[in-house]
C-alpha cells in the first residue's frame, strides 16, 4: 500500500518515504531527537491507519514512523508488485547503525552476498532494513524502497512508456541483472528487483 502527499518542501526533490511501525510514538520521538535526529513533521492522526510523523536521521535521511491503530500485518514474503525491502543509502554506515539501533532496538547483522559485505538491521528475528554505502556523492543520504517484480526488463520498459526515468538499467555487474533503479514522473526514485528466494 502507498499514499501520495504534497508537502511544502521548496527546493527539495520528491521521494518515496517508507513508514516504520513503532509501538510508542512519543517514546520514539524522544529517543530519536536525543540521538541526533530531527522531527520534520510532528505527529498527526491518519484516519484508519494511526499516528504518523516524519523524521530525519543525523545523516539527513528522511523516514516516516507510524503507531498503528489496528496493529501490524504478520511478516510475509512479498508477492509480485509488493514492497520488497528498504535500504538506507548513506555515507556513514556506522553512524546510521548507531542511530537506528538506539532508536529502534535493532540488531546489526553482517553477511557476505557474492563478494560483497552486506549489512542489515533485524528485530524479532526478521530482517528490517539494509544499509549500503551510497553509490554516488551526488545522492543525498536517503531511504530507498524496493518493489518486487516478475521481470525487471519488462518493468523498466513499462516505466519508460509511463514517463518514468531509468537511473540505473539492469546490468550483470549488479545482482546479476535482476535490479534497476527508476524514478517516477515526479522524480521520486525507487528500485525494482526480481526476487525468487
C-alpha atoms as a PDB file:
ATOM      1  CA  UNK A   1       0.000   0.000   0.000  1.00  0.00           C
ATOM      2  CA  UNK A   2       1.080   3.552  -0.586  1.00  0.00           C
ATOM      3  CA  UNK A   3      -0.195   7.086  -0.254  1.00  0.00           C
ATOM      4  CA  UNK A   4       0.519  10.321  -2.067  1.00  0.00           C
ATOM      5  CA  UNK A   5       1.063  13.602  -0.241  1.00  0.00           C
ATOM      6  CA  UNK A   6       2.020  17.079  -1.339  1.00  0.00           C
ATOM      7  CA  UNK A   7       4.332  18.840   1.082  1.00  0.00           C
ATOM      8  CA  UNK A   8       5.698  22.365   1.033  1.00  0.00           C
ATOM      9  CA  UNK A   9       9.373  21.474   0.670  1.00  0.00           C
ATOM     10  CA  UNK A  10      10.601  24.167  -1.712  1.00  0.00           C
ATOM     11  CA  UNK A  11      13.826  23.226  -3.417  1.00  0.00           C
ATOM     12  CA  UNK A  12      13.716  19.601  -2.264  1.00  0.00           C
ATOM     13  CA  UNK A  13      13.297  16.618  -4.532  1.00  0.00           C
ATOM     14  CA  UNK A  14      10.284  14.322  -4.499  1.00  0.00           C
ATOM     15  CA  UNK A  15      10.782  10.941  -2.895  1.00  0.00           C
ATOM     16  CA  UNK A  16       9.145   7.807  -1.569  1.00  0.00           C
ATOM     17  CA  UNK A  17       9.003   7.817   2.209  1.00  0.00           C
ATOM     18  CA  UNK A  18       8.914   4.414   3.935  1.00  0.00           C
ATOM     19  CA  UNK A  19       6.950   4.202   7.181  1.00  0.00           C
ATOM     20  CA  UNK A  20       8.433   2.236  10.084  1.00  0.00           C
ATOM     21  CA  UNK A  21       5.976   0.811  12.598  1.00  0.00           C
ATOM     22  CA  UNK A  22       6.601   1.823  16.216  1.00  0.00           C
ATOM     23  CA  UNK A  23       4.799   0.739  19.400  1.00  0.00           C
ATOM     24  CA  UNK A  24       5.142   4.104  21.207  1.00  0.00           C
ATOM     25  CA  UNK A  25       5.388   7.272  19.095  1.00  0.00           C
ATOM     26  CA  UNK A  26       6.207   9.668  21.934  1.00  0.00           C
ATOM     27  CA  UNK A  27       8.989   7.454  23.275  1.00  0.00           C
ATOM     28  CA  UNK A  28      10.467   7.016  19.800  1.00  0.00           C
ATOM     29  CA  UNK A  29      10.458  10.756  19.077  1.00  0.00           C
ATOM     30  CA  UNK A  30      12.142  11.496  22.396  1.00  0.00           C
ATOM     31  CA  UNK A  31      14.826   8.875  21.710  1.00  0.00           C
ATOM     32  CA  UNK A  32      15.323   9.970  18.099  1.00  0.00           C
ATOM     33  CA  UNK A  33      15.879  13.625  18.946  1.00  0.00           C
ATOM     34  CA  UNK A  34      18.207  12.693  21.835  1.00  0.00           C
ATOM     35  CA  UNK A  35      20.225  10.587  19.358  1.00  0.00           C
ATOM     36  CA  UNK A  36      20.595  13.500  16.910  1.00  0.00           C
ATOM     37  CA  UNK A  37      17.516  13.024  14.720  1.00  0.00           C
ATOM     38  CA  UNK A  38      15.141  15.819  13.768  1.00  0.00           C
ATOM     39  CA  UNK A  39      11.345  15.866  13.620  1.00  0.00           C
ATOM     40  CA  UNK A  40      10.293  17.192  10.201  1.00  0.00           C
ATOM     41  CA  UNK A  41       6.549  16.684  10.604  1.00  0.00           C
ATOM     42  CA  UNK A  42       5.037  16.439  14.086  1.00  0.00           C
ATOM     43  CA  UNK A  43       2.708  13.523  14.823  1.00  0.00           C
ATOM     44  CA  UNK A  44      -0.731  13.682  13.258  1.00  0.00           C
ATOM     45  CA  UNK A  45      -3.618  11.242  13.022  1.00  0.00           C
ATOM     46  CA  UNK A  46      -4.116   9.447   9.709  1.00  0.00           C
ATOM     47  CA  UNK A  47      -7.675   8.055   9.614  1.00  0.00           C
ATOM     48  CA  UNK A  48      -7.865   4.250   9.635  1.00  0.00           C
ATOM     49  CA  UNK A  49      -4.068   3.995   9.933  1.00  0.00           C
ATOM     50  CA  UNK A  50      -2.803   5.547  13.148  1.00  0.00           C
ATOM     51  CA  UNK A  51      -0.463   8.281  14.312  1.00  0.00           C
ATOM     52  CA  UNK A  52       2.218   9.313  11.809  1.00  0.00           C
ATOM     53  CA  UNK A  53       5.328  11.524  11.996  1.00  0.00           C
ATOM     54  CA  UNK A  54       8.257  12.243   9.677  1.00  0.00           C
ATOM     55  CA  UNK A  55      11.862  12.353  10.893  1.00  0.00           C
ATOM     56  CA  UNK A  56      15.345  12.851   9.541  1.00  0.00           C
ATOM     57  CA  UNK A  57      18.246  10.821  10.898  1.00  0.00           C
ATOM     58  CA  UNK A  58      21.520  12.584  11.837  1.00  0.00           C
ATOM     59  CA  UNK A  59      22.940  11.849   8.358  1.00  0.00           C
ATOM     60  CA  UNK A  60      19.945  13.530   6.676  1.00  0.00           C
ATOM     61  CA  UNK A  61      17.902  10.511   5.533  1.00  0.00           C
ATOM     62  CA  UNK A  62      14.151  11.135   5.955  1.00  0.00           C
ATOM     63  CA  UNK A  63      11.743   8.394   7.019  1.00  0.00           C
ATOM     64  CA  UNK A  64       8.272   8.123   8.473  1.00  0.00           C
ATOM     65  CA  UNK A  65       7.056   6.353  11.574  1.00  0.00           C
ATOM     66  CA  UNK A  66       3.561   5.107  12.305  1.00  0.00           C
ATOM     67  CA  UNK A  67       1.934   3.935  15.520  1.00  0.00           C
ATOM     68  CA  UNK A  68      -0.777   1.738  14.058  1.00  0.00           C
ATOM     69  CA  UNK A  69      -4.313   1.990  15.366  1.00  0.00           C
ATOM     70  CA  UNK A  70      -5.142  -1.552  14.187  1.00  0.00           C
ATOM     71  CA  UNK A  71      -1.892  -3.474  14.644  1.00  0.00           C
ATOM     72  CA  UNK A  72       0.587  -4.597  12.020  1.00  0.00           C
ATOM     73  CA  UNK A  73       0.139  -7.381   9.479  1.00  0.00           C
ATOM     74  CA  UNK A  74       2.196 -10.510  10.036  1.00  0.00           C
ATOM     75  CA  UNK A  75       5.581 -10.725   8.309  1.00  0.00           C
ATOM     76  CA  UNK A  76       5.263 -12.420   4.931  1.00  0.00           C
ATOM     77  CA  UNK A  77       7.180 -12.939   1.713  1.00  0.00           C
ATOM     78  CA  UNK A  78       6.484 -10.118  -0.738  1.00  0.00           C
ATOM     79  CA  UNK A  79       4.287 -11.020  -3.684  1.00  0.00           C
ATOM     80  CA  UNK A  80       4.931  -9.698  -7.186  1.00  0.00           C
ATOM     81  CA  UNK A  81       4.381  -5.895  -7.221  1.00  0.00           C
ATOM     82  CA  UNK A  82       4.551  -5.718  -3.394  1.00  0.00           C
ATOM     83  CA  UNK A  83       7.030  -3.677  -1.415  1.00  0.00           C
ATOM     84  CA  UNK A  84      10.044  -5.968  -1.076  1.00  0.00           C
ATOM     85  CA  UNK A  85      12.681  -4.209   1.002  1.00  0.00           C
ATOM     86  CA  UNK A  86      14.077  -0.901   2.220  1.00  0.00           C
ATOM     87  CA  UNK A  87      17.664   0.267   2.461  1.00  0.00           C
ATOM     88  CA  UNK A  88      19.364   3.299   3.931  1.00  0.00           C
ATOM     89  CA  UNK A  89      21.940   4.618   1.452  1.00  0.00           C
ATOM     90  CA  UNK A  90      24.413   6.662   3.475  1.00  0.00           C
ATOM     91  CA  UNK A  91      27.948   7.990   3.585  1.00  0.00           C
ATOM     92  CA  UNK A  92      28.352   6.891   7.226  1.00  0.00           C
ATOM     93  CA  UNK A  93      27.102   3.364   7.874  1.00  0.00           C
ATOM     94  CA  UNK A  94      28.465   3.114  11.444  1.00  0.00           C
ATOM     95  CA  UNK A  95      26.669   6.332  12.451  1.00  0.00           C
ATOM     96  CA  UNK A  96      23.436   5.160  10.792  1.00  0.00           C
ATOM     97  CA  UNK A  97      23.680   1.801  12.568  1.00  0.00           C
ATOM     98  CA  UNK A  98      24.211   3.511  15.928  1.00  0.00           C
ATOM     99  CA  UNK A  99      21.188   5.780  15.417  1.00  0.00           C
ATOM    100  CA  UNK A 100      18.748   3.088  14.299  1.00  0.00           C
ATOM    101  CA  UNK A 101      19.933   0.610  16.940  1.00  0.00           C
ATOM    102  CA  UNK A 102      19.393   3.230  19.642  1.00  0.00           C
ATOM    103  CA  UNK A 103      16.017   4.346  18.336  1.00  0.00           C
ATOM    104  CA  UNK A 104      14.551   1.062  17.104  1.00  0.00           C
ATOM    105  CA  UNK A 105      16.237  -1.602  19.187  1.00  0.00           C
ATOM    106  CA  UNK A 106      17.618  -3.340  16.105  1.00  0.00           C
ATOM    107  CA  UNK A 107      20.470  -5.851  15.957  1.00  0.00           C
ATOM    108  CA  UNK A 108      23.167  -5.470  13.284  1.00  0.00           C
ATOM    109  CA  UNK A 109      23.757  -8.476  11.025  1.00  0.00           C
ATOM    110  CA  UNK A 110      26.604  -8.712   8.529  1.00  0.00           C
ATOM    111  CA  UNK A 111      26.805 -11.338   5.825  1.00  0.00           C
ATOM    112  CA  UNK A 112      28.622 -11.885   2.579  1.00  0.00           C
ATOM    113  CA  UNK A 113      26.435 -11.839  -0.539  1.00  0.00           C
ATOM    114  CA  UNK A 114      28.545 -12.931  -3.503  1.00  0.00           C
ATOM    115  CA  UNK A 115      31.730 -10.963  -2.895  1.00  0.00           C
ATOM    116  CA  UNK A 116      30.003  -8.028  -1.190  1.00  0.00           C
ATOM    117  CA  UNK A 117      29.749  -7.493   2.556  1.00  0.00           C
ATOM    118  CA  UNK A 118      26.111  -6.615   3.276  1.00  0.00           C
ATOM    119  CA  UNK A 119      24.751  -5.144   6.496  1.00  0.00           C
ATOM    120  CA  UNK A 120      21.177  -5.092   7.691  1.00  0.00           C
ATOM    121  CA  UNK A 121      19.259  -4.480  10.869  1.00  0.00           C
ATOM    122  CA  UNK A 122      16.911  -7.071  12.297  1.00  0.00           C
ATOM    123  CA  UNK A 123      14.385  -7.241  15.097  1.00  0.00           C
ATOM    124  CA  UNK A 124      12.320 -10.178  16.324  1.00  0.00           C
ATOM    125  CA  UNK A 125      14.443 -12.454  14.129  1.00  0.00           C
ATOM    126  CA  UNK A 126      13.345 -10.687  10.937  1.00  0.00           C
ATOM    127  CA  UNK A 127      15.487  -8.539   8.633  1.00  0.00           C
ATOM    128  CA  UNK A 128      14.036  -4.994   8.660  1.00  0.00           C
ATOM    129  CA  UNK A 129      16.285  -2.625   6.683  1.00  0.00           C
ATOM    130  CA  UNK A 130      19.561  -2.838   4.778  1.00  0.00           C
ATOM    131  CA  UNK A 131      22.452  -0.383   4.894  1.00  0.00           C
ATOM    132  CA  UNK A 132      24.592   0.481   1.884  1.00  0.00           C
ATOM    133  CA  UNK A 133      27.301   2.987   1.094  1.00  0.00           C
ATOM    134  CA  UNK A 134      25.515   5.403  -1.209  1.00  0.00           C
ATOM    135  CA  UNK A 135      26.596   4.795  -4.797  1.00  0.00           C
ATOM    136  CA  UNK A 136      27.396   8.439  -5.614  1.00  0.00           C
ATOM    137  CA  UNK A 137      28.369  11.519  -3.600  1.00  0.00           C
ATOM    138  CA  UNK A 138      25.775  13.450  -5.636  1.00  0.00           C
ATOM    139  CA  UNK A 139      22.982  11.439  -3.984  1.00  0.00           C
ATOM    140  CA  UNK A 140      21.887  12.650  -0.577  1.00  0.00           C
ATOM    141  CA  UNK A 141      21.663  10.153   2.257  1.00  0.00           C
ATOM    142  CA  UNK A 142      18.272   8.538   1.818  1.00  0.00           C
ATOM    143  CA  UNK A 143      15.941   5.628   2.435  1.00  0.00           C
ATOM    144  CA  UNK A 144      15.306   3.616  -0.735  1.00  0.00           C
ATOM    145  CA  UNK A 145      12.219   1.457  -1.318  1.00  0.00           C
ATOM    146  CA  UNK A 146      12.345  -1.780  -3.350  1.00  0.00           C
ATOM    147  CA  UNK A 147       9.411  -3.293  -5.248  1.00  0.00           C
ATOM    148  CA  UNK A 148       9.388  -6.973  -6.215  1.00  0.00           C
ATOM    149  CA  UNK A 149       8.715  -7.501  -9.929  1.00  0.00           C
ATOM    150  CA  UNK A 150       8.374 -10.599 -12.109  1.00  0.00           C
ATOM    151  CA  UNK A 151      10.516  -9.258 -14.968  1.00  0.00           C
ATOM    152  CA  UNK A 152      12.862  -6.338 -14.366  1.00  0.00           C
ATOM    153  CA  UNK A 153      13.433  -5.635 -18.087  1.00  0.00           C
ATOM    154  CA  UNK A 154       9.695  -5.526 -18.819  1.00  0.00           C
ATOM    155  CA  UNK A 155       9.170  -3.269 -15.790  1.00  0.00           C
ATOM    156  CA  UNK A 156      11.871  -0.856 -16.971  1.00  0.00           C
ATOM    157  CA  UNK A 157      10.287  -0.669 -20.428  1.00  0.00           C
ATOM    158  CA  UNK A 158       6.820  -0.103 -18.958  1.00  0.00           C
ATOM    159  CA  UNK A 159       8.142   2.637 -16.655  1.00  0.00           C
ATOM    160  CA  UNK A 160       9.686   4.454 -19.623  1.00  0.00           C
ATOM    161  CA  UNK A 161       6.385   4.396 -21.542  1.00  0.00           C
ATOM    162  CA  UNK A 162       4.630   5.902 -18.492  1.00  0.00           C
ATOM    163  CA  UNK A 163       7.063   8.825 -18.184  1.00  0.00           C
ATOM    164  CA  UNK A 164       9.499   7.341 -15.699  1.00  0.00           C
ATOM    165  CA  UNK A 165      13.273   7.557 -15.971  1.00  0.00           C
ATOM    166  CA  UNK A 166      15.894   4.835 -15.767  1.00  0.00           C
ATOM    167  CA  UNK A 167      18.604   5.882 -13.313  1.00  0.00           C
ATOM    168  CA  UNK A 168      20.376   2.512 -13.464  1.00  0.00           C
ATOM    169  CA  UNK A 169      19.440  -0.085 -16.057  1.00  0.00           C
ATOM    170  CA  UNK A 170      19.751  -3.781 -15.228  1.00  0.00           C
ATOM    171  CA  UNK A 171      23.361  -4.886 -15.562  1.00  0.00           C
ATOM    172  CA  UNK A 172      25.032  -8.227 -14.949  1.00  0.00           C
ATOM    173  CA  UNK A 173      27.523  -6.465 -12.653  1.00  0.00           C
ATOM    174  CA  UNK A 174      24.778  -5.602 -10.126  1.00  0.00           C
ATOM    175  CA  UNK A 175      22.850  -8.538  -8.636  1.00  0.00           C
ATOM    176  CA  UNK A 176      23.077 -10.475 -11.903  1.00  0.00           C
ATOM    177  CA  UNK A 177      20.871  -8.034 -13.794  1.00  0.00           C
ATOM    178  CA  UNK A 178      17.843  -8.539 -11.526  1.00  0.00           C
ATOM    179  CA  UNK A 179      17.642  -4.950 -10.288  1.00  0.00           C
ATOM    180  CA  UNK A 180      17.089  -1.480 -11.746  1.00  0.00           C
ATOM    181  CA  UNK A 181      16.823   1.999 -10.257  1.00  0.00           C
ATOM    182  CA  UNK A 182      13.965   4.103 -11.607  1.00  0.00           C
ATOM    183  CA  UNK A 183      12.291   7.419 -10.911  1.00  0.00           C
ATOM    184  CA  UNK A 184       8.637   8.154 -11.410  1.00  0.00           C
ATOM    185  CA  UNK A 185       7.491  11.176 -13.473  1.00  0.00           C
ATOM    186  CA  UNK A 186       7.752  13.423 -10.388  1.00  0.00           C
ATOM    187  CA  UNK A 187      11.414  12.440  -9.932  1.00  0.00           C
ATOM    188  CA  UNK A 188      10.948  10.184  -6.900  1.00  0.00           C
ATOM    189  CA  UNK A 189      13.415   7.290  -7.065  1.00  0.00           C
ATOM    190  CA  UNK A 190      12.827   3.642  -6.227  1.00  0.00           C
ATOM    191  CA  UNK A 191      14.288   0.223  -7.001  1.00  0.00           C
ATOM    192  CA  UNK A 192      12.651  -2.721  -8.759  1.00  0.00           C
ATOM    193  CA  UNK A 193      14.031  -6.221  -8.302  1.00  0.00           C
ATOM    194  CA  UNK A 194      13.297  -9.802  -9.260  1.00  0.00           C
ATOM    195  CA  UNK A 195      13.362 -11.946  -6.134  1.00  0.00           C
ATOM    196  CA  UNK A 196      12.827 -15.686  -6.139  1.00  0.00           C
ATOM    197  CA  UNK A 197      14.044 -16.756  -2.698  1.00  0.00           C
END
